[in-house]
Amino acid sequence: MAKSNSTSISRQKEIISAAIDVFAEMGYYRATTAKVAERAGISQPYVFRFFASKEALLIEALKVSFDRIAESFQMVIQSASSEMLEQELIEAYSRIMTEYRSETLLQMQAQTIRDDAVAHVMKEGFSVIRKMVYEAFRKANIGKPSEKTLLFLARGMLCNVAMALDLPELMKIDD
């Protein structure tokens, strides 16, 4: 029974991974569960064994992407010195953007989806990240933690745009 359950969990993760890539490449509205199934190397009905709808699959994909950011940030927060906290958070996010580019693109697209369930997941995900960063800055005695959090998140959004447009000069800082 345990093997069947672990196989099922593994298959579900493969489907989510395929969905992240397909949604990021095609856009949520153009993507189909048939394309997700093809990318995962399974039949379309098998996708529906795990997810009731394309929207349910999108919601799980978004949760995975936000969980990845939260877990990465939590590791930094637990180990970084106050002096290096912000820089290490920036580096952690940069690694995520490089290694999980499709997740970043997916989140960017999902910001424009007006479906209530999707909007809720987006709001919840950003709220968790914002609170985590704010609390870390506050506990590290970083001055103006609300403002620092706002600027950190704004920089992250600009990084997303620069990456999506392949326009790194958006992030260039002249010294």
Protein backbone atom coordinates (compact mmCIF):
# COMPACT_ATOMS: atom_id res chain seq x y z
CA MET A 1 0.00 0.00 0.00
CA ALA A 2 2.82 2.42 0.84
CA LYS A 3 4.43 1.88 -2.57
CA SER A 4 1.15 2.64 -4.33
CA ASN A 5 0.70 5.81 -2.28
CA SER A 6 4.26 7.00 -2.94
CA THR A 7 3.84 6.23 -6.65
CA SER A 8 0.61 8.21 -6.64
CA ILE A 9 2.28 11.17 -4.91
CA SER A 10 5.19 10.99 -7.34
CA ARG A 11 2.83 10.94 -10.32
CA GLN A 12 0.90 13.90 -8.91
CA LYS A 13 4.16 15.88 -8.59
CA GLU A 14 5.08 14.99 -12.18
CA ILE A 15 1.72 16.27 -13.38
CA ILE A 16 2.13 19.53 -11.45
CA SER A 17 5.63 19.97 -12.84
CA ALA A 18 4.39 19.39 -16.38
CA ALA A 19 1.52 21.81 -15.80
CA ILE A 20 3.87 24.52 -14.55
CA ASP A 21 5.92 24.24 -17.73
CA VAL A 22 2.92 24.07 -20.06
CA PHE A 23 1.09 26.96 -18.38
CA ALA A 24 4.26 29.07 -18.38
CA GLU A 25 4.96 28.36 -22.05
CA MET A 26 1.44 28.60 -23.46
CA GLY A 27 -0.41 30.71 -20.94
CA TYR A 28 -3.12 29.34 -18.71
CA TYR A 29 -6.01 30.05 -21.08
CA ARG A 30 -4.36 28.46 -24.15
CA ALA A 31 -2.97 25.48 -22.27
CA THR A 32 -5.02 22.32 -22.06
CA THR A 33 -4.99 19.35 -19.75
CA ALA A 34 -4.28 17.29 -22.88
CA LYS A 35 -1.02 19.23 -23.34
CA VAL A 36 -0.18 18.74 -19.66
CA ALA A 37 -0.84 15.01 -19.98
CA GLU A 38 1.31 14.82 -23.11
CA ARG A 39 4.17 16.62 -21.33
CA ALA A 40 3.84 14.28 -18.34
CA GLY A 41 3.72 11.22 -20.60
CA ILE A 42 0.29 10.10 -19.41
CA SER A 43 -3.28 10.11 -20.66
CA GLN A 44 -5.55 13.10 -20.16
CA PRO A 45 -8.05 11.10 -18.06
CA TYR A 46 -5.17 10.26 -15.71
CA VAL A 47 -4.69 13.99 -15.05
CA PHE A 48 -8.31 14.16 -13.93
CA ARG A 49 -7.73 11.29 -11.55
CA PHE A 50 -5.66 13.74 -9.48
CA PHE A 51 -7.17 17.12 -10.37
CA ALA A 52 -10.87 17.85 -10.87
CA SER A 53 -10.21 20.66 -13.34
CA LYS A 54 -7.55 22.70 -15.08
CA GLU A 55 -8.15 25.41 -12.47
CA ALA A 56 -7.50 22.94 -9.63
CA LEU A 57 -4.24 21.99 -11.31
CA LEU A 58 -3.27 25.66 -11.65
CA ILE A 59 -4.01 26.28 -7.98
CA GLU A 60 -1.78 23.38 -6.91
CA ALA A 61 0.97 24.57 -9.25
CA LEU A 62 0.82 28.04 -7.72
CA LYS A 63 0.92 26.61 -4.21
CA VAL A 64 4.04 24.62 -5.12
CA SER A 65 5.72 27.77 -6.44
CA PHE A 66 4.90 29.83 -3.35
CA ASP A 67 5.94 26.99 -1.05
CA ARG A 68 9.31 26.86 -2.80
CA ILE A 69 9.90 30.56 -2.14
CA ALA A 70 8.73 30.31 1.47
CA GLU A 71 10.92 27.28 2.19
CA SER A 72 13.94 28.92 0.59
CA PHE A 73 13.42 32.17 2.47
CA GLN A 74 12.88 30.30 5.74
CA MET A 75 16.23 28.56 5.34
CA VAL A 76 17.92 31.93 4.80
CA ILE A 77 16.13 33.54 7.73
CA GLN A 78 17.23 30.74 10.05
CA SER A 79 20.88 30.98 9.06
CA ALA A 80 21.70 34.49 7.84
CA SER A 81 23.22 37.18 10.00
CA SER A 82 21.30 40.45 10.34
CA GLU A 83 23.90 42.16 8.17
CA MET A 84 23.57 39.62 5.35
CA LEU A 85 19.84 38.85 5.61
CA GLU A 86 18.58 41.00 2.76
CA GLN A 87 21.43 40.06 0.43
CA GLU A 88 20.98 36.35 1.11
CA LEU A 89 17.21 36.62 0.52
CA ILE A 90 17.94 38.32 -2.81
CA GLU A 91 20.37 35.55 -3.73
CA ALA A 92 17.85 32.87 -2.72
CA TYR A 93 15.20 34.44 -4.93
CA SER A 94 17.66 34.80 -7.81
CA ARG A 95 18.40 31.07 -7.58
CA ILE A 96 14.68 30.27 -7.68
CA MET A 97 14.23 32.49 -10.73
CA THR A 98 17.09 30.71 -12.48
CA GLU A 99 16.28 27.14 -11.48
CA TYR A 100 12.48 27.43 -11.56
CA ARG A 101 11.90 30.02 -14.28
CA SER A 102 8.56 28.51 -15.29
CA GLU A 103 7.22 28.93 -11.76
CA THR A 104 8.07 32.62 -11.84
CA LEU A 105 6.39 33.04 -15.22
CA LEU A 106 3.37 31.13 -13.95
CA GLN A 107 3.00 33.44 -10.96
CA MET A 108 3.30 36.48 -13.21
CA GLN A 109 0.51 35.20 -15.44
CA ALA A 110 -1.68 34.22 -12.51
CA GLN A 111 -1.63 37.80 -11.24
CA THR A 112 -3.93 38.69 -14.13
CA ILE A 113 -6.42 35.84 -13.68
CA ARG A 114 -9.60 37.16 -12.12
CA ASP A 115 -11.00 33.83 -11.00
CA ASP A 116 -11.76 34.06 -7.26
CA ALA A 117 -10.00 30.82 -6.30
CA VAL A 118 -6.84 31.72 -8.23
CA ALA A 119 -6.86 35.29 -6.89
CA HIS A 120 -7.17 33.90 -3.36
CA VAL A 121 -4.13 31.65 -3.80
CA MET A 122 -2.13 34.56 -5.21
CA LYS A 123 -3.13 36.88 -2.36
CA GLU A 124 -2.38 34.22 0.22
CA GLY A 125 0.99 33.38 -1.33
CA PHE A 126 2.15 36.99 -1.50
CA SER A 127 0.83 37.69 1.99
CA VAL A 128 2.81 34.80 3.46
CA ILE A 129 6.01 35.92 1.72
CA ARG A 130 5.47 39.55 2.72
CA LYS A 131 4.85 38.68 6.35
CA MET A 132 7.85 36.35 6.43
CA VAL A 133 10.20 38.99 5.03
CA TYR A 134 8.77 41.75 7.22
CA GLU A 135 9.11 39.68 10.40
CA ALA A 136 12.66 38.69 9.47
CA PHE A 137 13.65 42.31 8.85
CA ARG A 138 11.94 43.42 12.08
CA LYS A 139 13.61 40.72 14.19
CA ALA A 140 16.98 41.55 12.61
CA ASN A 141 16.50 45.18 13.74
CA ILE A 142 16.67 46.41 10.18
CA GLY A 143 15.49 50.03 10.12
CA LYS A 144 12.09 50.75 8.62
CA PRO A 145 11.16 47.08 8.14
CA SER A 146 7.88 47.92 6.37
CA GLU A 147 9.65 50.11 3.84
CA LYS A 148 12.49 47.59 3.42
CA THR A 149 9.92 44.83 2.84
CA LEU A 150 8.09 46.92 0.25
CA LEU A 151 11.33 47.67 -1.59
CA PHE A 152 12.45 44.03 -1.38
CA LEU A 153 9.17 42.81 -2.88
CA ALA A 154 9.18 45.56 -5.51
CA ARG A 155 12.69 44.60 -6.52
CA GLY A 156 11.57 40.99 -6.82
CA MET A 157 8.73 42.00 -9.11
CA LEU A 158 11.10 44.04 -11.26
CA CYS A 159 13.45 41.03 -11.38
CA ASN A 160 10.51 38.96 -12.65
CA VAL A 161 9.79 41.46 -15.42
CA ALA A 162 13.47 41.71 -16.38
CA MET A 163 13.71 37.92 -16.56
CA ALA A 164 10.46 37.48 -18.50
CA LEU A 165 11.44 40.11 -21.07
CA ASP A 166 15.08 39.01 -21.17
CA LEU A 167 15.97 42.60 -20.32
CA PRO A 168 18.64 42.42 -17.61
CA GLU A 169 19.42 46.12 -17.93
CA LEU A 170 16.21 46.79 -15.98
CA MET A 171 18.15 45.58 -12.96
CA LYS A 172 21.37 47.43 -13.70
CA ILE A 173 22.50 49.78 -10.97
CA ASP A 174 25.08 52.39 -11.85
CA ASP A 175 27.47 52.93 -8.97
